[in-house]
């Protein structure tokens, strides 16, 4: 771990390799697990505001889940998340012709209907950020459903932090990312 501004960063995001391999995993991170995508308060409000424009891109069961539970939910621990369909798929998941899970929010963004890509927690994956009072923890989330992504990342020699560069800049800013690159170049050259 090392400190970068008001973040404590796991060395794994520099040392581990990762490139999403949707053809292998079929977007399992959006349909497996027992929780929705983590959200902050601003994102929950954004989801509520953009829902009318995202709704036409969603599946019927996703729409039903959102209309029953809301555009976001609050967990028993007080955390905000996207709602799930029957405790599994994210309510915003759609599928392409090859049965690969995609994001309905991102599809609305790609079609120019909205200007918000998707929750930053989804954009950052496999990095998870945990907010604490004085700092943010930036960690690599190792999940066996992403083994193919790790293999592809290793083959292409793309470290996690480079794979999620756009999302890290979105979350922490360009200056933070430039500092991260310096740390990686000075301390972790392969």
N, C-alpha and C. Protein backbone atom coordinates (compact mmCIF):
# COMPACT_ATOMS: atom_id res chain seq x y z
N UNK A 1 0.85 -1.18 0.00
CA UNK A 1 0.00 0.00 0.00
C UNK A 1 0.89 1.24 0.00
N UNK A 2 0.40 2.29 -0.64
CA UNK A 2 1.11 3.56 -0.60
C UNK A 2 0.07 4.68 -0.60
N UNK A 3 0.48 5.83 -0.11
CA UNK A 3 -0.43 6.98 -0.03
C UNK A 3 -0.22 7.87 -1.24
N UNK A 4 -1.34 8.34 -1.77
CA UNK A 4 -1.32 9.26 -2.90
C UNK A 4 -2.40 10.30 -2.61
N UNK A 5 -2.00 11.48 -2.17
CA UNK A 5 -2.98 12.48 -1.77
C UNK A 5 -3.80 11.95 -0.61
N UNK A 6 -5.12 11.99 -0.75
CA UNK A 6 -6.01 11.49 0.30
C UNK A 6 -6.50 10.07 -0.01
N UNK A 7 -5.65 9.31 -0.70
CA UNK A 7 -5.98 7.91 -0.98
C UNK A 7 -4.87 7.00 -0.49
N UNK A 8 -5.28 5.83 -0.08
CA UNK A 8 -4.35 4.73 0.23
C UNK A 8 -4.57 3.71 -0.87
N UNK A 9 -3.52 3.43 -1.64
CA UNK A 9 -3.64 2.65 -2.86
C UNK A 9 -2.94 1.30 -2.72
N UNK A 10 -3.62 0.24 -3.12
CA UNK A 10 -3.03 -1.09 -3.14
C UNK A 10 -2.03 -1.21 -4.28
N UNK A 11 -0.89 -1.77 -4.00
CA UNK A 11 0.12 -2.00 -5.02
C UNK A 11 -0.38 -2.94 -6.11
N UNK A 12 -1.39 -3.75 -5.79
CA UNK A 12 -1.93 -4.69 -6.78
C UNK A 12 -2.44 -4.00 -8.03
N UNK A 13 -2.91 -2.74 -7.93
CA UNK A 13 -3.43 -2.09 -9.13
C UNK A 13 -2.32 -1.77 -10.13
N UNK A 14 -1.08 -1.78 -9.64
CA UNK A 14 0.08 -1.58 -10.51
C UNK A 14 0.71 -2.91 -10.89
N UNK A 15 0.75 -3.83 -9.95
CA UNK A 15 1.46 -5.10 -10.16
C UNK A 15 0.65 -6.15 -10.91
N UNK A 16 -0.68 -6.09 -10.81
CA UNK A 16 -1.54 -7.08 -11.47
C UNK A 16 -1.97 -6.58 -12.84
N UNK A 17 -2.17 -7.52 -13.76
CA UNK A 17 -2.59 -7.19 -15.12
C UNK A 17 -4.07 -7.54 -15.31
N UNK A 18 -4.73 -6.77 -16.20
CA UNK A 18 -6.17 -6.97 -16.37
C UNK A 18 -6.65 -6.27 -17.64
N UNK A 19 -7.40 -6.99 -18.46
CA UNK A 19 -8.13 -6.43 -19.60
C UNK A 19 -9.43 -7.22 -19.71
N UNK A 20 -10.56 -6.54 -19.56
CA UNK A 20 -11.85 -7.25 -19.64
C UNK A 20 -11.89 -8.09 -20.90
N UNK A 21 -12.41 -9.31 -20.73
CA UNK A 21 -12.52 -10.24 -21.84
C UNK A 21 -13.99 -10.66 -21.92
N UNK A 22 -14.81 -9.74 -22.42
CA UNK A 22 -16.26 -9.98 -22.46
C UNK A 22 -16.65 -11.21 -23.26
N UNK A 23 -15.87 -11.56 -24.26
CA UNK A 23 -16.21 -12.75 -25.04
C UNK A 23 -16.07 -14.01 -24.19
N UNK A 24 -15.25 -13.96 -23.16
CA UNK A 24 -15.06 -15.12 -22.28
C UNK A 24 -16.03 -15.12 -21.09
N UNK A 25 -16.17 -13.97 -20.44
CA UNK A 25 -16.97 -13.94 -19.21
C UNK A 25 -18.42 -13.57 -19.44
N UNK A 26 -18.72 -12.99 -20.59
CA UNK A 26 -20.09 -12.59 -20.95
C UNK A 26 -20.68 -11.54 -19.98
N UNK A 27 -19.79 -10.76 -19.34
CA UNK A 27 -20.27 -9.71 -18.43
C UNK A 27 -20.77 -10.23 -17.11
N UNK A 28 -20.17 -11.30 -16.63
CA UNK A 28 -20.63 -11.95 -15.40
C UNK A 28 -20.66 -11.03 -14.18
N UNK A 29 -19.79 -10.01 -14.15
CA UNK A 29 -19.75 -9.12 -12.98
C UNK A 29 -21.06 -8.34 -12.82
N UNK A 30 -21.83 -8.22 -13.87
CA UNK A 30 -23.10 -7.49 -13.80
C UNK A 30 -24.28 -8.39 -13.46
N UNK A 31 -24.05 -9.70 -13.48
CA UNK A 31 -25.16 -10.63 -13.24
C UNK A 31 -24.89 -11.61 -12.10
N UNK A 32 -23.65 -11.69 -11.64
CA UNK A 32 -23.31 -12.56 -10.51
C UNK A 32 -23.14 -11.72 -9.26
N UNK A 33 -23.13 -12.37 -8.14
CA UNK A 33 -22.95 -11.65 -6.89
C UNK A 33 -24.28 -11.46 -6.19
N UNK A 34 -24.23 -10.78 -5.05
CA UNK A 34 -25.43 -10.62 -4.25
C UNK A 34 -25.71 -9.16 -3.91
N UNK A 35 -25.11 -8.25 -4.67
CA UNK A 35 -25.31 -6.83 -4.42
C UNK A 35 -25.26 -6.07 -5.73
N UNK A 36 -25.93 -4.93 -5.73
CA UNK A 36 -25.89 -4.07 -6.90
C UNK A 36 -24.60 -3.26 -6.92
N UNK A 37 -24.45 -2.44 -7.94
CA UNK A 37 -23.27 -1.58 -8.06
C UNK A 37 -23.32 -0.50 -6.99
N UNK A 38 -22.21 -0.30 -6.28
CA UNK A 38 -22.17 0.78 -5.28
C UNK A 38 -22.37 2.14 -5.94
N UNK A 39 -23.10 3.00 -5.24
CA UNK A 39 -23.39 4.36 -5.73
C UNK A 39 -23.10 5.37 -4.62
N UNK A 40 -22.81 6.60 -5.00
CA UNK A 40 -22.79 7.66 -4.00
C UNK A 40 -24.11 8.44 -4.14
N UNK A 41 -24.35 9.38 -3.25
CA UNK A 41 -25.63 10.11 -3.24
C UNK A 41 -25.87 10.85 -4.55
N UNK A 42 -24.82 11.46 -5.09
CA UNK A 42 -24.98 12.19 -6.36
C UNK A 42 -25.38 11.25 -7.48
N UNK A 43 -24.77 10.06 -7.51
CA UNK A 43 -25.10 9.10 -8.57
C UNK A 43 -26.52 8.59 -8.42
N UNK A 44 -26.97 8.38 -7.19
CA UNK A 44 -28.35 7.94 -6.97
C UNK A 44 -29.32 8.98 -7.52
N UNK A 45 -29.01 10.25 -7.31
CA UNK A 45 -29.86 11.32 -7.84
C UNK A 45 -29.80 11.36 -9.37
N UNK A 46 -28.61 11.17 -9.92
CA UNK A 46 -28.46 11.15 -11.38
C UNK A 46 -29.30 10.02 -11.97
N UNK A 47 -29.25 8.84 -11.36
CA UNK A 47 -30.04 7.71 -11.86
C UNK A 47 -31.53 8.04 -11.85
N UNK A 48 -31.98 8.68 -10.79
CA UNK A 48 -33.38 9.06 -10.72
C UNK A 48 -33.73 10.05 -11.84
N UNK A 49 -32.84 11.02 -12.05
CA UNK A 49 -33.09 12.04 -13.06
C UNK A 49 -33.07 11.50 -14.49
N UNK A 50 -32.16 10.57 -14.78
CA UNK A 50 -32.01 10.08 -16.16
C UNK A 50 -32.87 8.85 -16.47
N UNK A 51 -33.49 8.29 -15.45
CA UNK A 51 -34.24 7.04 -15.66
C UNK A 51 -35.22 7.11 -16.85
N UNK A 52 -35.99 8.19 -17.02
CA UNK A 52 -36.90 8.21 -18.18
C UNK A 52 -36.20 8.02 -19.53
N UNK A 53 -34.95 8.49 -19.63
CA UNK A 53 -34.22 8.34 -20.89
C UNK A 53 -33.52 6.99 -20.99
N UNK A 54 -33.25 6.36 -19.86
CA UNK A 54 -32.59 5.05 -19.84
C UNK A 54 -33.62 3.92 -20.00
N UNK A 55 -34.81 4.14 -19.48
CA UNK A 55 -35.86 3.11 -19.45
C UNK A 55 -36.07 2.42 -20.79
N UNK A 56 -36.12 3.13 -21.93
CA UNK A 56 -36.36 2.45 -23.21
C UNK A 56 -35.26 1.44 -23.59
N UNK A 57 -34.10 1.53 -22.97
CA UNK A 57 -33.00 0.62 -23.29
C UNK A 57 -33.01 -0.63 -22.43
N UNK A 58 -33.85 -0.66 -21.39
CA UNK A 58 -33.82 -1.75 -20.42
C UNK A 58 -34.76 -2.89 -20.77
N UNK A 59 -34.49 -4.05 -20.15
CA UNK A 59 -35.36 -5.22 -20.29
C UNK A 59 -36.61 -5.03 -19.43
N UNK A 60 -37.64 -5.76 -19.76
CA UNK A 60 -38.90 -5.65 -19.01
C UNK A 60 -38.70 -5.99 -17.54
N UNK A 61 -37.92 -7.03 -17.24
CA UNK A 61 -37.74 -7.40 -15.84
C UNK A 61 -36.87 -6.39 -15.09
N UNK A 62 -35.98 -5.71 -15.80
CA UNK A 62 -35.21 -4.64 -15.19
C UNK A 62 -36.09 -3.45 -14.85
N UNK A 63 -36.97 -3.09 -15.78
CA UNK A 63 -37.92 -2.00 -15.56
C UNK A 63 -38.81 -2.33 -14.37
N UNK A 64 -39.30 -3.56 -14.32
CA UNK A 64 -40.18 -3.97 -13.22
C UNK A 64 -39.45 -3.87 -11.88
N UNK A 65 -38.19 -4.31 -11.84
CA UNK A 65 -37.41 -4.24 -10.59
C UNK A 65 -37.21 -2.80 -10.16
N UNK A 66 -36.89 -1.93 -11.11
CA UNK A 66 -36.66 -0.52 -10.79
C UNK A 66 -37.95 0.14 -10.33
N UNK A 67 -39.05 -0.16 -11.00
CA UNK A 67 -40.31 0.47 -10.63
C UNK A 67 -40.82 -0.03 -9.29
N UNK A 68 -40.41 -1.22 -8.89
CA UNK A 68 -40.79 -1.74 -7.57
C UNK A 68 -39.85 -1.24 -6.47
N UNK A 69 -38.52 -1.25 -6.76
CA UNK A 69 -37.53 -0.94 -5.73
C UNK A 69 -37.02 0.50 -5.77
N UNK A 70 -37.13 1.14 -6.93
CA UNK A 70 -36.57 2.48 -7.10
C UNK A 70 -35.35 2.42 -7.99
N UNK A 71 -34.89 3.56 -8.46
CA UNK A 71 -33.74 3.63 -9.35
C UNK A 71 -32.44 3.29 -8.62
N UNK A 72 -32.48 3.39 -7.28
CA UNK A 72 -31.38 2.92 -6.43
C UNK A 72 -32.00 2.42 -5.14
N UNK A 73 -31.23 1.65 -4.39
CA UNK A 73 -31.72 1.13 -3.11
C UNK A 73 -30.72 1.48 -2.01
N UNK A 74 -31.20 1.47 -0.78
CA UNK A 74 -30.33 1.64 0.38
C UNK A 74 -30.28 0.30 1.09
N UNK A 75 -29.06 -0.20 1.31
CA UNK A 75 -28.89 -1.49 1.97
C UNK A 75 -29.13 -1.36 3.47
N UNK A 76 -29.15 -2.50 4.15
CA UNK A 76 -29.31 -2.51 5.60
C UNK A 76 -28.16 -1.77 6.31
N UNK A 77 -27.03 -1.62 5.61
CA UNK A 77 -25.88 -0.93 6.18
C UNK A 77 -25.86 0.56 5.81
N UNK A 78 -26.91 1.00 5.09
CA UNK A 78 -27.00 2.41 4.72
C UNK A 78 -26.27 2.77 3.44
N UNK A 79 -25.76 1.76 2.72
CA UNK A 79 -25.06 2.02 1.46
C UNK A 79 -26.06 2.08 0.32
N UNK A 80 -25.74 2.88 -0.69
CA UNK A 80 -26.57 2.98 -1.89
C UNK A 80 -26.05 2.04 -2.96
N UNK A 81 -26.97 1.39 -3.68
CA UNK A 81 -26.62 0.44 -4.75
C UNK A 81 -27.68 0.49 -5.83
N UNK A 82 -27.33 -0.07 -6.99
CA UNK A 82 -28.34 -0.29 -8.01
C UNK A 82 -29.22 -1.45 -7.57
N UNK A 83 -30.50 -1.44 -7.93
CA UNK A 83 -31.37 -2.56 -7.57
C UNK A 83 -31.04 -3.81 -8.39
N UNK A 84 -31.45 -4.96 -7.88
CA UNK A 84 -31.23 -6.24 -8.56
C UNK A 84 -32.56 -6.82 -9.02
N UNK A 85 -32.47 -7.69 -10.01
CA UNK A 85 -33.62 -8.47 -10.47
C UNK A 85 -33.55 -9.81 -9.74
N UNK A 86 -34.50 -10.07 -8.88
CA UNK A 86 -34.56 -11.34 -8.14
C UNK A 86 -33.24 -11.68 -7.45
N UNK A 87 -32.57 -10.68 -6.90
CA UNK A 87 -31.33 -10.91 -6.15
C UNK A 87 -30.13 -11.31 -6.99
N UNK A 88 -30.19 -11.12 -8.31
CA UNK A 88 -29.08 -11.54 -9.18
C UNK A 88 -28.64 -10.40 -10.10
N UNK A 89 -29.18 -10.35 -11.33
CA UNK A 89 -28.76 -9.35 -12.32
C UNK A 89 -29.00 -7.93 -11.82
N UNK A 90 -28.07 -7.03 -12.16
CA UNK A 90 -28.31 -5.61 -11.97
C UNK A 90 -29.54 -5.25 -12.81
N UNK A 91 -30.41 -4.44 -12.27
CA UNK A 91 -31.64 -4.07 -12.99
C UNK A 91 -31.36 -3.30 -14.27
N UNK A 92 -30.16 -2.76 -14.40
CA UNK A 92 -29.80 -1.98 -15.59
C UNK A 92 -29.11 -2.83 -16.66
N UNK A 93 -28.98 -4.13 -16.43
CA UNK A 93 -28.31 -5.01 -17.39
C UNK A 93 -29.21 -5.29 -18.59
N UNK A 94 -28.58 -5.26 -19.76
CA UNK A 94 -29.23 -5.70 -20.99
C UNK A 94 -28.30 -6.75 -21.62
N UNK A 95 -28.78 -7.45 -22.63
CA UNK A 95 -27.96 -8.48 -23.27
C UNK A 95 -27.90 -8.22 -24.78
N UNK A 96 -26.71 -8.49 -25.35
CA UNK A 96 -26.60 -8.39 -26.80
C UNK A 96 -27.00 -9.73 -27.43
N UNK A 97 -26.86 -9.84 -28.73
CA UNK A 97 -27.27 -11.04 -29.45
C UNK A 97 -26.46 -12.27 -29.06
N UNK A 98 -25.27 -12.07 -28.52
CA UNK A 98 -24.42 -13.19 -28.09
C UNK A 98 -24.62 -13.52 -26.61
N UNK A 99 -25.65 -12.93 -25.99
CA UNK A 99 -25.99 -13.15 -24.58
C UNK A 99 -24.94 -12.59 -23.63
N UNK A 100 -24.24 -11.55 -24.09
CA UNK A 100 -23.26 -10.87 -23.24
C UNK A 100 -23.98 -9.75 -22.50
N UNK A 101 -23.76 -9.70 -21.18
CA UNK A 101 -24.36 -8.65 -20.36
C UNK A 101 -23.70 -7.31 -20.67
N UNK A 102 -24.53 -6.31 -20.91
CA UNK A 102 -24.08 -4.95 -21.14
C UNK A 102 -24.87 -4.02 -20.22
N UNK A 103 -24.47 -2.78 -20.17
CA UNK A 103 -25.13 -1.80 -19.30
C UNK A 103 -26.12 -0.97 -20.09
N UNK A 104 -27.37 -0.98 -19.68
CA UNK A 104 -28.39 -0.18 -20.34
C UNK A 104 -28.13 1.31 -20.19
N UNK A 105 -27.54 1.71 -19.08
CA UNK A 105 -27.19 3.12 -18.88
C UNK A 105 -26.13 3.51 -19.90
N UNK A 106 -25.10 2.67 -20.03
CA UNK A 106 -24.03 2.96 -20.97
C UNK A 106 -24.54 2.94 -22.41
N UNK A 107 -25.50 2.09 -22.70
CA UNK A 107 -26.07 2.06 -24.05
C UNK A 107 -26.81 3.37 -24.34
N UNK A 108 -27.56 3.88 -23.36
CA UNK A 108 -28.22 5.18 -23.53
C UNK A 108 -27.19 6.29 -23.74
N UNK A 109 -26.07 6.21 -23.02
CA UNK A 109 -24.96 7.15 -23.19
C UNK A 109 -24.36 7.04 -24.59
N UNK A 110 -24.09 5.80 -25.03
CA UNK A 110 -23.51 5.58 -26.35
C UNK A 110 -24.42 6.07 -27.47
N UNK A 111 -25.72 6.04 -27.23
CA UNK A 111 -26.69 6.49 -28.24
C UNK A 111 -26.95 8.00 -28.15
N UNK A 112 -26.26 8.68 -27.23
CA UNK A 112 -26.40 10.13 -27.11
C UNK A 112 -27.64 10.60 -26.36
N UNK A 113 -28.31 9.69 -25.67
CA UNK A 113 -29.53 10.06 -24.94
C UNK A 113 -29.23 10.73 -23.61
N UNK A 114 -28.09 10.40 -23.01
CA UNK A 114 -27.68 10.96 -21.73
C UNK A 114 -26.19 11.29 -21.79
N UNK A 115 -25.72 12.10 -20.85
CA UNK A 115 -24.31 12.50 -20.85
C UNK A 115 -23.52 11.83 -19.74
N UNK A 116 -24.13 10.91 -19.01
CA UNK A 116 -23.50 10.21 -17.88
C UNK A 116 -23.28 8.76 -18.29
N UNK A 117 -22.03 8.28 -18.25
CA UNK A 117 -21.70 6.97 -18.81
C UNK A 117 -22.29 5.81 -18.02
N UNK A 118 -22.05 5.78 -16.71
CA UNK A 118 -22.54 4.72 -15.82
C UNK A 118 -21.97 5.01 -14.45
N UNK A 119 -22.40 4.27 -13.41
CA UNK A 119 -21.83 4.49 -12.08
C UNK A 119 -20.30 4.32 -12.12
N UNK A 120 -19.61 5.18 -11.40
CA UNK A 120 -18.15 5.13 -11.42
C UNK A 120 -17.64 3.80 -10.88
N UNK A 121 -18.38 3.17 -9.97
CA UNK A 121 -17.93 1.88 -9.43
C UNK A 121 -17.88 0.82 -10.53
N UNK A 122 -18.80 0.89 -11.48
CA UNK A 122 -18.79 -0.05 -12.62
C UNK A 122 -17.65 0.29 -13.57
N UNK A 123 -17.46 1.58 -13.80
CA UNK A 123 -16.43 2.05 -14.72
C UNK A 123 -15.04 1.69 -14.18
N UNK A 124 -14.88 1.71 -12.86
CA UNK A 124 -13.60 1.42 -12.23
C UNK A 124 -13.26 -0.07 -12.13
N UNK A 125 -14.27 -0.93 -12.26
CA UNK A 125 -14.02 -2.35 -11.97
C UNK A 125 -12.90 -2.91 -12.84
N UNK A 126 -11.92 -3.62 -12.26
CA UNK A 126 -11.88 -4.36 -11.00
C UNK A 126 -11.33 -3.59 -9.79
N UNK A 127 -11.28 -2.27 -9.88
CA UNK A 127 -10.89 -1.49 -8.72
C UNK A 127 -12.14 -1.15 -7.93
N UNK A 128 -12.04 -1.30 -6.62
CA UNK A 128 -13.10 -0.89 -5.71
C UNK A 128 -12.54 0.20 -4.81
N UNK A 129 -13.33 1.24 -4.60
CA UNK A 129 -12.94 2.34 -3.73
C UNK A 129 -13.82 2.30 -2.49
N UNK A 130 -13.18 2.32 -1.34
CA UNK A 130 -13.88 2.35 -0.05
C UNK A 130 -13.61 3.70 0.58
N UNK A 131 -14.67 4.43 0.87
CA UNK A 131 -14.54 5.76 1.45
C UNK A 131 -14.47 5.66 2.97
N UNK A 132 -13.48 6.32 3.54
CA UNK A 132 -13.32 6.42 4.98
C UNK A 132 -13.39 7.90 5.34
N UNK A 133 -13.39 8.23 6.61
CA UNK A 133 -13.52 9.61 7.04
C UNK A 133 -12.39 10.48 6.51
N UNK A 134 -11.17 10.01 6.60
CA UNK A 134 -10.00 10.82 6.26
C UNK A 134 -9.37 10.48 4.91
N UNK A 135 -9.74 9.37 4.32
CA UNK A 135 -9.10 8.96 3.07
C UNK A 135 -10.00 7.98 2.31
N UNK A 136 -9.60 7.67 1.08
CA UNK A 136 -10.27 6.65 0.27
C UNK A 136 -9.29 5.49 0.08
N UNK A 137 -9.77 4.26 0.25
CA UNK A 137 -8.97 3.08 -0.03
C UNK A 137 -9.21 2.66 -1.47
N UNK A 138 -8.13 2.47 -2.23
CA UNK A 138 -8.22 2.10 -3.65
C UNK A 138 -7.63 0.70 -3.77
N UNK A 139 -8.49 -0.29 -4.01
CA UNK A 139 -8.06 -1.69 -3.98
C UNK A 139 -8.45 -2.44 -5.24
N UNK A 140 -7.66 -3.46 -5.54
CA UNK A 140 -7.95 -4.38 -6.63
C UNK A 140 -8.87 -5.47 -6.08
N UNK A 141 -9.98 -5.71 -6.75
CA UNK A 141 -10.94 -6.72 -6.32
C UNK A 141 -10.75 -7.97 -7.17
N UNK A 142 -10.07 -8.95 -6.63
CA UNK A 142 -9.82 -10.22 -7.34
C UNK A 142 -11.05 -11.09 -7.23
N UNK A 143 -11.61 -11.48 -8.39
CA UNK A 143 -12.82 -12.30 -8.44
C UNK A 143 -12.60 -13.35 -9.51
N UNK A 144 -12.83 -14.60 -9.19
CA UNK A 144 -12.51 -15.70 -10.13
C UNK A 144 -13.23 -15.58 -11.47
N UNK A 145 -14.37 -14.89 -11.51
CA UNK A 145 -15.05 -14.74 -12.80
C UNK A 145 -14.23 -13.87 -13.76
N UNK A 146 -13.22 -13.19 -13.23
CA UNK A 146 -12.37 -12.34 -14.06
C UNK A 146 -11.02 -13.00 -14.38
N UNK A 147 -10.90 -14.30 -14.17
CA UNK A 147 -9.63 -14.97 -14.46
C UNK A 147 -9.22 -14.80 -15.92
N UNK A 148 -10.19 -14.84 -16.84
CA UNK A 148 -9.87 -14.63 -18.26
C UNK A 148 -9.36 -13.21 -18.51
N UNK A 149 -9.89 -12.24 -17.78
CA UNK A 149 -9.42 -10.86 -17.91
C UNK A 149 -7.99 -10.72 -17.40
N UNK A 150 -7.68 -11.44 -16.33
CA UNK A 150 -6.31 -11.42 -15.80
C UNK A 150 -5.35 -12.06 -16.80
N UNK A 151 -5.77 -13.15 -17.41
CA UNK A 151 -4.92 -13.83 -18.40
C UNK A 151 -4.70 -12.94 -19.62
N UNK A 152 -5.76 -12.29 -20.10
CA UNK A 152 -5.63 -11.41 -21.24
C UNK A 152 -4.76 -10.20 -20.90
N UNK A 153 -4.95 -9.65 -19.72
CA UNK A 153 -4.12 -8.53 -19.28
C UNK A 153 -2.65 -8.90 -19.22
N UNK A 154 -2.38 -10.12 -18.72
CA UNK A 154 -0.99 -10.59 -18.64
C UNK A 154 -0.41 -10.76 -20.05
N UNK A 155 -1.21 -11.35 -20.94
CA UNK A 155 -0.77 -11.55 -22.32
C UNK A 155 -0.45 -10.22 -23.00
N UNK A 156 -1.30 -9.22 -22.77
CA UNK A 156 -1.12 -7.91 -23.40
C UNK A 156 -0.24 -6.97 -22.57
N UNK A 157 0.12 -7.41 -21.37
CA UNK A 157 0.95 -6.63 -20.44
C UNK A 157 0.32 -5.27 -20.11
N UNK A 158 -0.95 -5.31 -19.69
CA UNK A 158 -1.67 -4.11 -19.31
C UNK A 158 -2.00 -4.17 -17.82
N UNK A 159 -1.35 -3.35 -17.01
CA UNK A 159 -1.67 -3.34 -15.58
C UNK A 159 -3.08 -2.78 -15.34
N UNK A 160 -3.65 -3.16 -14.21
CA UNK A 160 -5.01 -2.74 -13.86
C UNK A 160 -5.17 -1.23 -13.99
N UNK A 161 -4.24 -0.47 -13.43
CA UNK A 161 -4.41 0.99 -13.42
C UNK A 161 -4.44 1.58 -14.83
N UNK A 162 -3.76 0.96 -15.78
CA UNK A 162 -3.82 1.45 -17.16
C UNK A 162 -5.14 1.05 -17.82
N UNK A 163 -5.64 -0.13 -17.50
CA UNK A 163 -6.91 -0.57 -18.06
C UNK A 163 -8.05 0.37 -17.65
N UNK A 164 -8.02 0.84 -16.42
CA UNK A 164 -9.11 1.70 -15.91
C UNK A 164 -8.69 3.17 -15.83
N UNK A 165 -7.76 3.58 -16.66
CA UNK A 165 -7.24 4.95 -16.64
C UNK A 165 -8.37 5.99 -16.70
N UNK A 166 -9.25 5.87 -17.68
CA UNK A 166 -10.34 6.84 -17.84
C UNK A 166 -11.18 6.94 -16.58
N UNK A 167 -11.49 5.80 -15.98
CA UNK A 167 -12.32 5.80 -14.77
C UNK A 167 -11.58 6.38 -13.57
N UNK A 168 -10.28 6.09 -13.44
CA UNK A 168 -9.50 6.66 -12.35
C UNK A 168 -9.42 8.17 -12.47
N UNK A 169 -9.26 8.67 -13.69
CA UNK A 169 -9.24 10.12 -13.91
C UNK A 169 -10.61 10.70 -13.58
N UNK A 170 -11.64 10.01 -13.98
CA UNK A 170 -13.01 10.46 -13.67
C UNK A 170 -13.22 10.56 -12.16
N UNK A 171 -12.71 9.60 -11.42
CA UNK A 171 -12.90 9.55 -9.97
C UNK A 171 -11.98 10.52 -9.22
N UNK A 172 -10.70 10.52 -9.57
CA UNK A 172 -9.71 11.24 -8.77
C UNK A 172 -9.05 12.43 -9.47
N UNK A 173 -9.21 12.55 -10.79
CA UNK A 173 -8.63 13.68 -11.52
C UNK A 173 -7.33 13.32 -12.23
N UNK A 174 -6.98 14.16 -13.19
CA UNK A 174 -5.78 13.92 -14.00
C UNK A 174 -4.49 14.05 -13.21
N UNK A 175 -4.44 15.01 -12.27
CA UNK A 175 -3.22 15.18 -11.47
C UNK A 175 -2.96 13.94 -10.62
N UNK A 176 -4.02 13.39 -10.02
CA UNK A 176 -3.88 12.18 -9.20
C UNK A 176 -3.34 11.05 -10.07
N UNK A 177 -3.92 10.89 -11.27
CA UNK A 177 -3.49 9.81 -12.15
C UNK A 177 -2.04 9.99 -12.58
N UNK A 178 -1.64 11.22 -12.86
CA UNK A 178 -0.24 11.49 -13.24
C UNK A 178 0.70 11.09 -12.11
N UNK A 179 0.30 11.36 -10.87
CA UNK A 179 1.12 10.95 -9.71
C UNK A 179 1.18 9.43 -9.60
N UNK A 180 0.06 8.77 -9.87
CA UNK A 180 0.03 7.31 -9.85
C UNK A 180 1.01 6.75 -10.88
N UNK A 181 1.01 7.33 -12.07
CA UNK A 181 1.94 6.88 -13.12
C UNK A 181 3.40 7.06 -12.68
N UNK A 182 3.69 8.16 -12.01
CA UNK A 182 5.05 8.39 -11.51
C UNK A 182 5.45 7.32 -10.50
N UNK A 183 4.54 7.01 -9.58
CA UNK A 183 4.81 5.96 -8.59
C UNK A 183 5.07 4.64 -9.30
N UNK A 184 4.23 4.32 -10.27
CA UNK A 184 4.39 3.07 -11.01
C UNK A 184 5.72 3.03 -11.75
N UNK A 185 6.06 4.11 -12.44
CA UNK A 185 7.30 4.16 -13.22
C UNK A 185 8.55 4.10 -12.32
N UNK A 186 8.47 4.77 -11.18
CA UNK A 186 9.65 4.86 -10.31
C UNK A 186 9.84 3.66 -9.39
N UNK A 187 8.76 2.95 -9.09
CA UNK A 187 8.84 1.90 -8.08
C UNK A 187 8.47 0.50 -8.53
N UNK A 188 7.79 0.39 -9.67
CA UNK A 188 7.24 -0.90 -10.03
C UNK A 188 7.57 -1.30 -11.46
N UNK A 189 8.65 -0.80 -12.02
CA UNK A 189 8.98 -1.19 -13.39
C UNK A 189 9.15 -2.69 -13.49
N UNK A 190 8.53 -3.25 -14.53
CA UNK A 190 8.59 -4.70 -14.70
C UNK A 190 9.85 -5.09 -15.43
